[in-house]
Amino acid sequence: MGDPAYDLAVVTRGFRRPFKRDSGLRLLLDAYAAAGGRPLSPSRVQFFELSILAAQLECALAEGRDVQGAESRLSSILGRLGTG
């Protein structure tokens, strides 16, 4: 019912090397398509990764928790996408 790209973003969690592989996201997308899922682009998954990380940062700020980890992960993915 939801967007499968969101579900895959939950799995990858914005890591640069999902599953400790340089092509981890591509391998995940290929396996998903081979299992009968609709083809998804890496950018669609990355959109949801950004959304999830931004929400984590917002929660950390609202709750007064240390935001260094959330800031670092968000900054890292933005840098990889060429927007940071």
C-alpha atoms as a PDB file:
ATOM      1  CA  MET A   1       0.000   0.000   0.000  1.00  0.00           C
ATOM      2  CA  GLY A   2       2.893   2.353   0.681  1.00  0.00           C
ATOM      3  CA  ASP A   3       5.831   3.302  -1.464  1.00  0.00           C
ATOM      4  CA  PRO A   4       8.362   0.461  -1.671  1.00  0.00           C
ATOM      5  CA  ALA A   5      11.143   3.038  -2.039  1.00  0.00           C
ATOM      6  CA  TYR A   6      10.362   4.161   1.526  1.00  0.00           C
ATOM      7  CA  ASP A   7      10.652   0.583   2.787  1.00  0.00           C
ATOM      8  CA  LEU A   8      14.013   0.178   1.060  1.00  0.00           C
ATOM      9  CA  ALA A   9      15.175   3.505   2.534  1.00  0.00           C
ATOM     10  CA  VAL A  10      14.385   2.116   5.979  1.00  0.00           C
ATOM     11  CA  VAL A  11      16.650  -0.826   5.145  1.00  0.00           C
ATOM     12  CA  THR A  12      19.548   1.260   3.790  1.00  0.00           C
ATOM     13  CA  ARG A  13      19.170   4.043   6.400  1.00  0.00           C
ATOM     14  CA  GLY A  14      21.199   6.462   4.309  1.00  0.00           C
ATOM     15  CA  PHE A  15      24.461   4.609   4.664  1.00  0.00           C
ATOM     16  CA  ARG A  16      27.053   5.330   1.978  1.00  0.00           C
ATOM     17  CA  ARG A  17      27.750   1.630   1.544  1.00  0.00           C
ATOM     18  CA  PRO A  18      24.601  -0.374   2.336  1.00  0.00           C
ATOM     19  CA  PHE A  19      25.519  -3.927   3.283  1.00  0.00           C
ATOM     20  CA  LYS A  20      29.182  -2.761   3.351  1.00  0.00           C
ATOM     21  CA  ARG A  21      29.303  -2.795  -0.454  1.00  0.00           C
ATOM     22  CA  ASP A  22      29.978   0.122  -2.761  1.00  0.00           C
ATOM     23  CA  SER A  23      27.100  -0.947  -4.965  1.00  0.00           C
ATOM     24  CA  GLY A  24      24.860  -1.989  -2.060  1.00  0.00           C
ATOM     25  CA  LEU A  25      21.887   0.158  -3.044  1.00  0.00           C
ATOM     26  CA  ARG A  26      22.051  -0.989  -6.670  1.00  0.00           C
ATOM     27  CA  LEU A  27      22.249  -4.644  -5.551  1.00  0.00           C
ATOM     28  CA  LEU A  28      19.232  -4.146  -3.296  1.00  0.00           C
ATOM     29  CA  LEU A  29      17.234  -2.512  -6.088  1.00  0.00           C
ATOM     30  CA  ASP A  30      18.177  -5.264  -8.531  1.00  0.00           C
ATOM     31  CA  ALA A  31      17.209  -7.990  -6.035  1.00  0.00           C
ATOM     32  CA  TYR A  32      13.917  -6.212  -5.335  1.00  0.00           C
ATOM     33  CA  ALA A  33      13.103  -6.049  -9.065  1.00  0.00           C
ATOM     34  CA  ALA A  34      14.164  -9.684  -9.592  1.00  0.00           C
ATOM     35  CA  ALA A  35      11.784 -10.734  -6.812  1.00  0.00           C
ATOM     36  CA  GLY A  36       8.893  -9.157  -8.685  1.00  0.00           C
ATOM     37  CA  GLY A  37       8.966  -5.612  -7.366  1.00  0.00           C
ATOM     38  CA  ARG A  38       8.579  -2.694  -9.695  1.00  0.00           C
ATOM     39  CA  PRO A  39      11.805  -1.064 -10.875  1.00  0.00           C
ATOM     40  CA  LEU A  40      12.913   1.771  -8.584  1.00  0.00           C
ATOM     41  CA  SER A  41      15.578   4.393  -9.120  1.00  0.00           C
ATOM     42  CA  PRO A  42      18.306   5.023  -6.556  1.00  0.00           C
ATOM     43  CA  SER A  43      17.210   8.667  -6.371  1.00  0.00           C
ATOM     44  CA  ARG A  44      13.727   7.630  -5.258  1.00  0.00           C
ATOM     45  CA  VAL A  45      15.173   5.649  -2.357  1.00  0.00           C
ATOM     46  CA  GLN A  46      17.608   8.474  -1.551  1.00  0.00           C
ATOM     47  CA  PHE A  47      14.706  10.924  -1.333  1.00  0.00           C
ATOM     48  CA  PHE A  48      13.187   8.843   1.444  1.00  0.00           C
ATOM     49  CA  GLU A  49      16.584   8.347   3.109  1.00  0.00           C
ATOM     50  CA  LEU A  50      16.878  12.128   3.318  1.00  0.00           C
ATOM     51  CA  SER A  51      13.364  12.427   4.678  1.00  0.00           C
ATOM     52  CA  ILE A  52      14.006   9.826   7.370  1.00  0.00           C
ATOM     53  CA  LEU A  53      17.315  11.400   8.422  1.00  0.00           C
ATOM     54  CA  ALA A  54      15.791  14.892   8.502  1.00  0.00           C
ATOM     55  CA  ALA A  55      12.952  13.620  10.701  1.00  0.00           C
ATOM     56  CA  GLN A  56      15.465  11.980  13.051  1.00  0.00           C
ATOM     57  CA  LEU A  57      17.365  15.262  13.336  1.00  0.00           C
ATOM     58  CA  GLU A  58      14.153  17.175  13.972  1.00  0.00           C
ATOM     59  CA  CYS A  59      13.153  14.746  16.753  1.00  0.00           C
ATOM     60  CA  ALA A  60      16.581  14.955  18.356  1.00  0.00           C
ATOM     61  CA  LEU A  61      16.406  18.759  18.331  1.00  0.00           C
ATOM     62  CA  ALA A  62      12.855  18.812  19.721  1.00  0.00           C
ATOM     63  CA  GLU A  63      13.772  16.405  22.515  1.00  0.00           C
ATOM     64  CA  GLY A  64      16.977  18.232  23.404  1.00  0.00           C
ATOM     65  CA  ARG A  65      19.126  15.200  22.602  1.00  0.00           C
ATOM     66  CA  ASP A  66      22.609  15.225  21.129  1.00  0.00           C
ATOM     67  CA  VAL A  67      22.177  15.860  17.424  1.00  0.00           C
ATOM     68  CA  GLN A  68      25.760  15.307  16.320  1.00  0.00           C
ATOM     69  CA  GLY A  69      25.129  11.810  14.928  1.00  0.00           C
ATOM     70  CA  ALA A  70      21.958  12.813  13.090  1.00  0.00           C
ATOM     71  CA  GLU A  71      23.610  15.966  11.723  1.00  0.00           C
ATOM     72  CA  SER A  72      26.627  14.000  10.593  1.00  0.00           C
ATOM     73  CA  ARG A  73      24.585  11.360   8.738  1.00  0.00           C
ATOM     74  CA  LEU A  74      22.392  13.984   7.081  1.00  0.00           C
ATOM     75  CA  SER A  75      25.427  16.045   6.058  1.00  0.00           C
ATOM     76  CA  SER A  76      27.123  12.940   4.692  1.00  0.00           C
ATOM     77  CA  ILE A  77      24.250  11.928   2.440  1.00  0.00           C
ATOM     78  CA  LEU A  78      23.765  15.510   1.233  1.00  0.00           C
ATOM     79  CA  GLY A  79      27.469  15.631   0.358  1.00  0.00           C
ATOM     80  CA  ARG A  80      27.248  12.366  -1.580  1.00  0.00           C
ATOM     81  CA  LEU A  81      24.302  13.708  -3.533  1.00  0.00           C
ATOM     82  CA  GLY A  82      26.241  16.853  -4.365  1.00  0.00           C
ATOM     83  CA  THR A  83      23.902  19.155  -2.463  1.00  0.00           C
ATOM     84  CA  GLY A  84      25.846  19.652   0.748  1.00  0.00           C
END
